[in-house]
Amino acid sequence: MYFYSESHETNYKEMLKRYPTALKDAEYKLGCYIVAHPEIYLAASEQDWPDIFDDWTEKSFSRGGRLLIDLGMHLFGGGHTELNLTDAINTWDDKNYKVFLQAVDIRRNG
């Protein structure tokens, strides 16, 4: 499994403890993976949300971070959140592009 950094992997393990459903559910596993990203995790760990993607509208992220959240919400919620994939691919650096590929693989294969 690809991780953006060591802290991404550590955060992911913490997210799996918080959301054990992720061990059986590809959508939750994907959610844990995206939210564990170092840029996103700090904001997430400050909240006590019952669901992974409850409310991200008032948080400030870089353009790439916001697109990762949009990706996660798009894949987690059955495509109800809009994602401009061309914009995302043109925005992400190589490491975040690899996060994108890993996220798609998690959603597809669990």
Protein backbone atom coordinates (compact mmCIF):
# COMPACT_ATOMS: atom_id res chain seq x y z
CA MET A 1 0.00 0.00 0.00
CA TYR A 2 1.32 3.43 -0.94
CA PHE A 3 1.51 6.17 1.70
CA TYR A 4 2.40 9.82 1.15
CA SER A 5 4.70 9.69 4.17
CA GLU A 6 5.35 7.79 7.39
CA SER A 7 2.87 10.02 9.19
CA HIS A 8 0.22 9.12 6.57
CA GLU A 9 0.73 5.45 7.41
CA THR A 10 0.65 6.10 11.17
CA ASN A 11 -2.49 8.24 10.83
CA TYR A 12 -4.11 5.53 8.70
CA LYS A 13 -3.57 2.95 11.43
CA GLU A 14 -5.16 5.33 13.94
CA MET A 15 -8.12 5.89 11.62
CA LEU A 16 -8.64 2.13 11.30
CA LYS A 17 -8.82 1.92 15.11
CA ARG A 18 -11.36 4.74 15.15
CA TYR A 19 -13.43 3.24 12.32
CA PRO A 20 -13.07 -0.57 12.56
CA THR A 21 -15.82 -0.90 9.94
CA ALA A 22 -13.06 -0.05 7.46
CA LEU A 23 -11.62 -3.53 7.88
CA LYS A 24 -14.70 -4.91 6.09
CA ASP A 25 -15.97 -1.96 4.07
CA ALA A 26 -14.05 -0.52 1.09
CA GLU A 27 -15.75 2.88 1.34
CA TYR A 28 -14.69 3.31 4.97
CA LYS A 29 -11.21 1.97 4.22
CA LEU A 30 -10.92 4.58 1.47
CA GLY A 31 -12.22 7.26 3.82
CA CYS A 32 -9.65 6.34 6.45
CA TYR A 33 -6.90 6.42 3.83
CA ILE A 34 -7.81 9.88 2.52
CA VAL A 35 -8.44 11.44 5.93
CA ALA A 36 -5.13 10.02 7.21
CA HIS A 37 -3.24 12.19 4.70
CA PRO A 38 -1.03 14.50 6.78
CA GLU A 39 -2.63 17.70 5.49
CA ILE A 40 -6.13 16.44 6.23
CA TYR A 41 -5.59 14.42 9.39
CA LEU A 42 -4.88 17.35 11.70
CA ALA A 43 -8.26 18.92 10.91
CA ALA A 44 -9.99 15.55 11.23
CA SER A 45 -8.40 14.68 14.54
CA GLU A 46 -9.70 17.95 16.01
CA GLN A 47 -13.28 16.79 15.37
CA ASP A 48 -15.44 14.09 16.88
CA TRP A 49 -17.55 13.22 13.86
CA PRO A 50 -19.56 10.01 13.79
CA ASP A 51 -18.83 9.68 10.08
CA ILE A 52 -15.56 10.17 8.23
CA PHE A 53 -16.69 12.91 5.83
CA ASP A 54 -19.34 14.69 7.89
CA ASP A 55 -18.44 18.34 7.40
CA TRP A 56 -15.43 19.63 5.53
CA THR A 57 -16.92 22.81 4.10
CA GLU A 58 -15.56 25.19 6.73
CA LYS A 59 -12.01 23.88 6.82
CA SER A 60 -9.20 25.50 4.84
CA PHE A 61 -6.88 23.28 2.79
CA SER A 62 -4.48 23.69 -0.10
CA ARG A 63 -6.03 23.18 -3.54
CA GLY A 64 -4.51 19.69 -3.71
CA GLY A 65 -5.76 18.83 -0.23
CA ARG A 66 -9.27 20.02 -1.06
CA LEU A 67 -9.21 17.88 -4.23
CA LEU A 68 -8.18 14.82 -2.19
CA ILE A 69 -11.14 15.45 0.10
CA ASP A 70 -13.42 15.82 -2.93
CA LEU A 71 -12.02 12.54 -4.28
CA GLY A 72 -12.68 10.79 -0.99
CA MET A 73 -16.20 12.16 -0.74
CA HIS A 74 -16.89 11.27 -4.38
CA LEU A 75 -15.75 7.67 -3.97
CA PHE A 76 -17.17 7.27 -0.45
CA GLY A 77 -20.63 8.56 -1.14
CA GLY A 78 -21.36 6.90 -4.42
CA GLY A 79 -20.40 9.81 -6.62
CA HIS A 80 -22.72 12.43 -5.15
CA THR A 81 -19.87 14.89 -4.59
CA GLU A 82 -18.54 16.57 -7.70
CA LEU A 83 -14.90 16.03 -8.59
CA ASN A 84 -13.08 17.74 -11.45
CA LEU A 85 -10.67 14.94 -12.26
CA THR A 86 -8.75 16.92 -14.88
CA ASP A 87 -8.17 19.74 -12.40
CA ALA A 88 -7.09 17.23 -9.76
CA ILE A 89 -4.60 15.45 -12.02
CA ASN A 90 -3.13 18.79 -13.10
CA THR A 91 -2.90 20.01 -9.48
CA TRP A 92 -1.47 17.04 -7.58
CA ASP A 93 2.26 16.48 -7.37
CA ASP A 94 3.62 12.99 -8.02
CA LYS A 95 3.16 11.84 -4.42
CA ASN A 96 -0.48 12.98 -4.23
CA TYR A 97 -1.16 11.48 -7.66
CA LYS A 98 0.04 8.16 -6.22
CA VAL A 99 -2.36 8.72 -3.28
CA PHE A 100 -5.12 9.14 -5.87
CA LEU A 101 -4.20 5.87 -7.59
CA GLN A 102 -4.05 4.03 -4.27
CA ALA A 103 -7.43 5.47 -3.23
CA VAL A 104 -9.05 4.24 -6.44
CA ASP A 105 -7.52 0.82 -5.91
CA ILE A 106 -8.81 0.69 -2.32
CA ARG A 107 -12.32 1.61 -3.46
CA ARG A 108 -12.26 -0.92 -6.29
CA ASN A 109 -10.61 -3.84 -4.52
CA GLY A 110 -11.19 -3.19 -0.83
